Amino acid sequence: MIRHVILWKLKDGFGEAEKAQIKSGIKSGLESLAGQIPGLVEIKVEIGGTAGSTADAMLDSTFDDQAALKAYSTHPAHVAVADSKVRPFVQTRLCLNFEV
């Protein structure tokens, strides 16, 4: 199994209400992929960081194997969510993939 964790920092210039709406869109968009992509075992997005957090959102997902993660990255449903809900709003993206 492969764990795929992403941290995002939103672009500067968004007000608090805009940030909340963007983060909610990221969460609902990505979590809606559950059951749609072969090899995606679990997907969860955290958007409620506590004081002192330096990231705005975190994706925590698990895949059957490296091939499933690779297929997810180009799957049309994932690309649609990433292109509409994530990429336009994100300044920084950090990724860590590891075996579990």
Protein backbone atom coordinates (compact mmCIF):
# COMPACT_ATOMS: atom_id res chain seq x y z
CA MET A 1 0.00 0.00 0.00
CA ILE A 2 1.11 3.55 -0.74
CA ARG A 3 0.19 6.54 1.39
CA HIS A 4 -0.02 9.81 -0.56
CA VAL A 5 -0.01 12.97 1.59
CA ILE A 6 -0.23 16.49 0.19
CA LEU A 7 -0.03 19.81 2.02
CA TRP A 8 -1.27 22.98 0.31
CA LYS A 9 -0.81 26.65 1.08
CA LEU A 10 -3.35 28.89 -0.63
CA LYS A 11 -2.31 31.92 -2.65
CA ASP A 12 -2.17 35.25 -0.84
CA GLY A 13 -4.98 37.74 -1.25
CA PHE A 14 -8.01 35.67 -0.29
CA GLY A 15 -10.24 36.88 2.52
CA GLU A 16 -11.25 34.51 5.31
CA ALA A 17 -14.65 33.77 3.74
CA GLU A 18 -13.00 33.06 0.37
CA LYS A 19 -10.42 30.79 2.00
CA ALA A 20 -13.15 28.85 3.79
CA GLN A 21 -15.07 28.41 0.53
CA ILE A 22 -11.95 27.32 -1.38
CA LYS A 23 -10.93 24.83 1.30
CA SER A 24 -14.45 23.42 1.43
CA GLY A 25 -14.39 22.99 -2.35
CA ILE A 26 -11.04 21.19 -2.20
CA LYS A 27 -12.36 18.86 0.51
CA SER A 28 -15.67 18.04 -1.15
CA GLY A 29 -14.13 17.71 -4.60
CA LEU A 30 -11.35 15.34 -3.63
CA GLU A 31 -13.38 13.29 -1.16
CA SER A 32 -16.01 12.78 -3.88
CA LEU A 33 -13.42 10.67 -5.73
CA ALA A 34 -13.88 7.84 -3.21
CA GLY A 35 -15.22 4.80 -5.05
CA GLN A 36 -14.56 6.32 -8.49
CA ILE A 37 -10.90 5.47 -9.04
CA PRO A 38 -9.58 1.90 -9.09
CA GLY A 39 -6.91 1.29 -6.47
CA LEU A 40 -7.89 4.30 -4.32
CA VAL A 41 -8.43 2.73 -0.91
CA GLU A 42 -9.08 5.81 1.22
CA ILE A 43 -9.16 9.59 0.73
CA LYS A 44 -9.60 12.31 3.32
CA VAL A 45 -8.97 16.06 3.28
CA GLU A 46 -8.32 18.05 6.46
CA ILE A 47 -9.09 21.77 6.32
CA GLY A 48 -9.45 22.69 9.99
CA GLY A 49 -5.88 23.29 11.05
CA THR A 50 -5.27 24.62 14.53
CA ALA A 51 -3.38 27.78 15.48
CA GLY A 52 0.24 27.59 14.41
CA SER A 53 -0.46 25.53 11.28
CA THR A 54 1.47 26.69 8.23
CA ALA A 55 -0.59 24.79 5.64
CA ASP A 56 -4.21 25.45 4.70
CA ALA A 57 -5.27 21.93 3.68
CA MET A 58 -3.99 18.36 3.72
CA LEU A 59 -4.86 15.39 1.54
CA ASP A 60 -4.33 12.01 3.17
CA SER A 61 -4.95 9.13 0.77
CA THR A 62 -4.04 5.47 0.44
CA PHE A 63 -3.60 3.41 -2.73
CA ASP A 64 -3.21 -0.29 -3.41
CA ASP A 65 0.23 0.25 -4.94
CA GLN A 66 2.43 2.68 -6.85
CA ALA A 67 0.68 1.85 -10.14
CA ALA A 68 -2.70 2.83 -8.63
CA LEU A 69 -1.25 6.14 -7.44
CA LYS A 70 0.15 6.82 -10.91
CA ALA A 71 -3.21 6.00 -12.51
CA TYR A 72 -4.98 8.32 -10.04
CA SER A 73 -2.74 11.22 -11.02
CA THR A 74 -4.02 11.10 -14.61
CA HIS A 75 -7.55 9.81 -14.01
CA PRO A 76 -10.04 12.23 -15.64
CA ALA A 77 -12.13 12.58 -12.46
CA HIS A 78 -9.05 13.52 -10.41
CA VAL A 79 -7.72 15.89 -13.08
CA ALA A 80 -11.11 17.64 -13.26
CA VAL A 81 -11.15 18.24 -9.50
CA ALA A 82 -7.50 19.30 -9.39
CA ASP A 83 -7.93 21.72 -12.30
CA SER A 84 -11.11 23.32 -10.96
CA LYS A 85 -10.87 23.13 -7.16
CA VAL A 86 -7.17 22.99 -6.29
CA ARG A 87 -4.58 24.28 -8.78
CA PRO A 88 -6.11 27.72 -9.43
CA PHE A 89 -5.97 28.59 -5.72
CA VAL A 90 -2.74 26.99 -4.48
CA GLN A 91 0.58 28.74 -4.05
CA THR A 92 2.58 25.86 -2.57
CA ARG A 93 2.21 22.08 -2.77
CA LEU A 94 4.27 19.58 -0.79
CA CYS A 95 3.96 15.85 -1.35
CA LEU A 96 5.15 12.78 0.55
CA ASN A 97 4.49 9.25 -0.72
CA PHE A 98 5.50 6.27 1.40
CA GLU A 99 4.82 2.58 1.80
CA VAL A 100 2.53 1.39 4.59
